[in-house]
């Protein structure tokens, strides 16, 4: 009888070093894949761009004097702020 040689584990392998079924690996794919810095950077730039655009649009409408008004039927519209003192 031959014994299996002990596997050498390197630090940082984490859950990849454990035995698991192919179904578990397919369902939890992100646990077994090494991080891809290029894809992570593209996603980070995309998220930052979206947040920046939303902040820009909010400040643009705020500077123009618009606010979100909710009508009696539940619809939302942008209306210009009007002071009651000016009427």
N, C-alpha and C. Protein backbone atom coordinates (compact mmCIF):
# COMPACT_ATOMS: atom_id res chain seq x y z
N UNK A 1 0.83 -1.17 0.00
CA UNK A 1 0.00 0.00 0.00
C UNK A 1 0.88 1.24 0.00
N UNK A 2 0.49 2.15 -0.86
CA UNK A 2 1.24 3.40 -0.90
C UNK A 2 0.41 4.51 -0.28
N UNK A 3 1.06 5.33 0.48
CA UNK A 3 0.38 6.44 1.12
C UNK A 3 0.51 7.67 0.23
N UNK A 4 -0.52 8.50 0.29
CA UNK A 4 -0.46 9.76 -0.44
C UNK A 4 0.53 10.69 0.26
N UNK A 5 1.35 11.37 -0.50
CA UNK A 5 2.24 12.34 0.16
C UNK A 5 1.42 13.51 0.69
N UNK A 6 1.86 14.00 1.82
CA UNK A 6 1.14 15.12 2.40
C UNK A 6 1.26 16.34 1.50
N UNK A 7 0.13 17.01 1.30
CA UNK A 7 0.13 18.19 0.45
C UNK A 7 0.74 19.36 1.21
N UNK A 8 1.49 20.16 0.49
CA UNK A 8 2.09 21.35 1.09
C UNK A 8 1.13 22.51 0.90
N UNK A 9 0.77 23.14 2.00
CA UNK A 9 -0.12 24.29 1.95
C UNK A 9 0.71 25.55 2.11
N UNK A 10 0.36 26.51 1.32
CA UNK A 10 1.05 27.79 1.42
C UNK A 10 0.15 28.79 2.13
N UNK A 11 0.73 29.71 2.86
CA UNK A 11 -0.08 30.72 3.54
C UNK A 11 -0.89 31.53 2.53
N UNK A 12 -2.13 31.79 2.88
CA UNK A 12 -2.99 32.57 2.00
C UNK A 12 -3.88 31.73 1.13
N UNK A 13 -3.71 30.41 1.13
CA UNK A 13 -4.58 29.56 0.32
C UNK A 13 -5.99 29.55 0.85
N UNK A 14 -6.14 29.59 2.16
CA UNK A 14 -7.46 29.64 2.77
C UNK A 14 -8.31 28.44 2.42
N UNK A 15 -9.52 28.70 1.94
CA UNK A 15 -10.48 27.62 1.67
C UNK A 15 -10.08 26.81 0.43
N UNK A 16 -9.22 27.37 -0.41
CA UNK A 16 -8.78 26.63 -1.60
C UNK A 16 -8.00 25.38 -1.24
N UNK A 17 -7.40 25.36 -0.06
CA UNK A 17 -6.58 24.22 0.33
C UNK A 17 -7.43 23.05 0.85
N UNK A 18 -8.69 23.27 1.16
CA UNK A 18 -9.56 22.22 1.69
C UNK A 18 -10.16 21.39 0.57
N UNK A 19 -10.49 20.14 0.89
CA UNK A 19 -11.17 19.28 -0.08
C UNK A 19 -12.64 19.66 -0.12
N UNK A 20 -13.19 19.75 -1.33
CA UNK A 20 -14.61 20.08 -1.47
C UNK A 20 -15.15 19.44 -2.74
N UNK A 21 -16.46 19.43 -2.85
CA UNK A 21 -17.10 18.82 -4.01
C UNK A 21 -17.12 19.82 -5.17
N UNK A 22 -17.23 19.32 -6.40
CA UNK A 22 -17.32 20.23 -7.56
C UNK A 22 -18.56 21.13 -7.49
N UNK A 23 -19.65 20.64 -6.92
CA UNK A 23 -20.86 21.45 -6.81
C UNK A 23 -20.63 22.65 -5.88
N UNK A 24 -19.94 22.40 -4.76
CA UNK A 24 -19.63 23.49 -3.84
C UNK A 24 -18.72 24.52 -4.51
N UNK A 25 -17.76 24.06 -5.31
CA UNK A 25 -16.87 24.97 -6.02
C UNK A 25 -17.62 25.76 -7.08
N UNK A 26 -18.61 25.15 -7.73
CA UNK A 26 -19.38 25.86 -8.77
C UNK A 26 -20.29 26.92 -8.14
N UNK A 27 -20.89 26.59 -7.02
CA UNK A 27 -21.81 27.53 -6.37
C UNK A 27 -21.03 28.68 -5.74
N UNK A 28 -19.91 28.40 -5.10
CA UNK A 28 -19.10 29.41 -4.42
C UNK A 28 -17.85 29.71 -5.23
N UNK A 29 -18.05 30.08 -6.47
CA UNK A 29 -16.96 30.31 -7.42
C UNK A 29 -15.97 31.37 -6.93
N UNK A 30 -16.49 32.44 -6.33
CA UNK A 30 -15.63 33.55 -5.94
C UNK A 30 -14.67 33.19 -4.81
N UNK A 31 -14.91 32.10 -4.10
CA UNK A 31 -14.00 31.69 -3.04
C UNK A 31 -12.74 31.02 -3.58
N UNK A 32 -12.80 30.51 -4.81
CA UNK A 32 -11.71 29.75 -5.37
C UNK A 32 -10.94 30.49 -6.45
N UNK A 33 -11.39 31.63 -6.86
CA UNK A 33 -10.74 32.38 -7.92
C UNK A 33 -9.85 33.44 -7.29
N UNK A 34 -8.66 33.59 -7.84
CA UNK A 34 -7.77 34.63 -7.35
C UNK A 34 -8.30 35.99 -7.80
N UNK A 35 -8.16 37.04 -6.99
CA UNK A 35 -8.67 38.36 -7.35
C UNK A 35 -8.01 38.89 -8.62
N UNK A 36 -8.80 39.52 -9.47
CA UNK A 36 -8.31 40.11 -10.70
C UNK A 36 -8.31 41.62 -10.51
N UNK A 37 -7.14 42.20 -10.38
CA UNK A 37 -7.02 43.62 -10.07
C UNK A 37 -7.52 44.51 -11.21
N UNK A 38 -7.39 44.07 -12.45
CA UNK A 38 -7.86 44.88 -13.58
C UNK A 38 -9.38 45.00 -13.55
N UNK A 39 -10.06 43.89 -13.36
CA UNK A 39 -11.52 43.91 -13.30
C UNK A 39 -11.98 44.69 -12.08
N UNK A 40 -11.28 44.55 -10.97
CA UNK A 40 -11.63 45.29 -9.76
C UNK A 40 -11.46 46.79 -9.98
N UNK A 41 -10.40 47.20 -10.65
CA UNK A 41 -10.18 48.62 -10.92
C UNK A 41 -11.24 49.18 -11.85
N UNK A 42 -11.62 48.43 -12.88
CA UNK A 42 -12.66 48.88 -13.80
C UNK A 42 -13.99 49.03 -13.07
N UNK A 43 -14.32 48.09 -12.20
CA UNK A 43 -15.55 48.17 -11.43
C UNK A 43 -15.53 49.34 -10.46
N UNK A 44 -14.39 49.59 -9.84
CA UNK A 44 -14.27 50.70 -8.90
C UNK A 44 -14.42 52.04 -9.62
N UNK A 45 -13.81 52.15 -10.81
CA UNK A 45 -13.94 53.38 -11.60
C UNK A 45 -15.39 53.58 -12.04
N UNK A 46 -16.04 52.49 -12.45
CA UNK A 46 -17.44 52.58 -12.86
C UNK A 46 -18.36 53.00 -11.72
N UNK A 47 -18.16 52.41 -10.55
CA UNK A 47 -18.98 52.78 -9.39
C UNK A 47 -18.73 54.23 -8.97
N UNK A 48 -17.46 54.65 -8.97
CA UNK A 48 -17.14 56.03 -8.61
C UNK A 48 -17.74 57.00 -9.63
N UNK A 49 -17.73 56.62 -10.90
CA UNK A 49 -18.34 57.47 -11.93
C UNK A 49 -19.84 57.61 -11.73
N UNK A 50 -20.52 56.53 -11.40
CA UNK A 50 -21.96 56.58 -11.17
C UNK A 50 -22.30 57.44 -9.95
N UNK A 51 -21.57 57.26 -8.87
CA UNK A 51 -21.81 58.06 -7.66
C UNK A 51 -21.52 59.53 -7.93
N UNK A 52 -20.45 59.80 -8.66
CA UNK A 52 -20.11 61.18 -9.00
C UNK A 52 -21.17 61.83 -9.88
N UNK A 53 -21.71 61.08 -10.83
CA UNK A 53 -22.75 61.61 -11.72
C UNK A 53 -24.03 61.91 -10.93
N UNK A 54 -24.40 61.02 -10.03
CA UNK A 54 -25.60 61.25 -9.21
C UNK A 54 -25.41 62.49 -8.33
N UNK A 55 -24.22 62.63 -7.73
CA UNK A 55 -23.95 63.80 -6.91
C UNK A 55 -23.98 65.08 -7.75
N UNK A 56 -23.43 65.02 -8.95
CA UNK A 56 -23.44 66.17 -9.84
C UNK A 56 -24.87 66.57 -10.21
N UNK A 57 -25.70 65.60 -10.56
CA UNK A 57 -27.09 65.90 -10.94
C UNK A 57 -27.87 66.45 -9.76
N UNK A 58 -27.64 65.93 -8.56
CA UNK A 58 -28.34 66.45 -7.37
C UNK A 58 -27.95 67.90 -7.11
N UNK A 59 -26.67 68.20 -7.21
CA UNK A 59 -26.23 69.57 -6.96
C UNK A 59 -26.71 70.50 -8.06
N UNK A 60 -26.80 70.00 -9.29
CA UNK A 60 -27.28 70.82 -10.40
C UNK A 60 -28.73 71.23 -10.18
N UNK A 61 -29.58 70.28 -9.81
CA UNK A 61 -30.98 70.60 -9.58
C UNK A 61 -31.15 71.46 -8.32
N UNK A 62 -30.31 71.24 -7.32
CA UNK A 62 -30.39 72.03 -6.09
C UNK A 62 -30.01 73.48 -6.37
N UNK A 63 -28.98 73.70 -7.18
CA UNK A 63 -28.55 75.06 -7.53
C UNK A 63 -29.60 75.77 -8.39
N UNK A 64 -30.34 75.03 -9.20
CA UNK A 64 -31.37 75.62 -10.04
C UNK A 64 -32.63 75.94 -9.25
N UNK A 65 -32.74 75.41 -8.03
CA UNK A 65 -33.88 75.71 -7.18
C UNK A 65 -35.02 74.72 -7.33
N UNK A 66 -34.76 73.52 -7.82
CA UNK A 66 -35.81 72.52 -7.97
C UNK A 66 -35.83 71.59 -6.77
N UNK A 67 -37.00 71.02 -6.51
CA UNK A 67 -37.14 70.00 -5.48
C UNK A 67 -38.13 68.96 -5.97
N UNK A 68 -38.11 67.79 -5.37
CA UNK A 68 -39.01 66.71 -5.76
C UNK A 68 -40.32 66.86 -5.00
N UNK A 69 -41.40 67.03 -5.74
CA UNK A 69 -42.73 67.16 -5.14
C UNK A 69 -43.52 65.90 -5.44
N UNK A 70 -44.24 65.42 -4.45
CA UNK A 70 -45.08 64.24 -4.60
C UNK A 70 -46.52 64.70 -4.71
N UNK A 71 -47.16 64.31 -5.81
CA UNK A 71 -48.54 64.70 -6.05
C UNK A 71 -49.52 63.86 -5.26
N UNK A 72 -50.81 64.23 -5.28
CA UNK A 72 -51.82 63.47 -4.53
C UNK A 72 -51.98 62.03 -5.03
N UNK A 73 -51.65 61.79 -6.31
CA UNK A 73 -51.78 60.42 -6.84
C UNK A 73 -50.49 59.62 -6.69
N UNK A 74 -49.45 60.20 -6.06
CA UNK A 74 -48.21 59.48 -5.79
C UNK A 74 -47.13 59.71 -6.82
N UNK A 75 -47.37 60.53 -7.84
CA UNK A 75 -46.35 60.79 -8.85
C UNK A 75 -45.34 61.81 -8.33
N UNK A 76 -44.11 61.66 -8.75
CA UNK A 76 -43.05 62.57 -8.35
C UNK A 76 -42.70 63.49 -9.52
N UNK A 77 -42.63 64.78 -9.26
CA UNK A 77 -42.24 65.75 -10.29
C UNK A 77 -41.25 66.73 -9.69
N UNK A 78 -40.44 67.34 -10.56
CA UNK A 78 -39.53 68.39 -10.13
C UNK A 78 -40.23 69.72 -10.29
N UNK A 79 -40.28 70.49 -9.22
CA UNK A 79 -40.91 71.81 -9.26
C UNK A 79 -39.92 72.84 -8.76
N UNK A 80 -40.05 74.03 -9.30
CA UNK A 80 -39.20 75.13 -8.89
C UNK A 80 -39.68 75.65 -7.54
N UNK A 81 -38.75 75.94 -6.64
CA UNK A 81 -39.13 76.48 -5.33
C UNK A 81 -39.63 77.91 -5.51
N UNK A 82 -40.75 78.18 -4.88
CA UNK A 82 -41.36 79.51 -4.94
C UNK A 82 -41.53 80.00 -3.51
N UNK A 83 -41.08 81.20 -3.26
CA UNK A 83 -41.22 81.77 -1.93
C UNK A 83 -42.59 82.40 -1.79
N UNK A 84 -43.25 82.20 -0.67
CA UNK A 84 -44.57 82.80 -0.45
C UNK A 84 -44.44 84.30 -0.22
N UNK A 85 -43.28 84.78 0.11
CA UNK A 85 -43.05 86.20 0.35
C UNK A 85 -43.03 87.00 -0.94
N UNK A 86 -42.70 86.32 -2.07
CA UNK A 86 -42.58 87.04 -3.34
C UNK A 86 -43.91 87.22 -4.04
N UNK A 87 -44.94 86.51 -3.67
CA UNK A 87 -46.21 86.57 -4.36
C UNK A 87 -46.97 87.81 -4.08
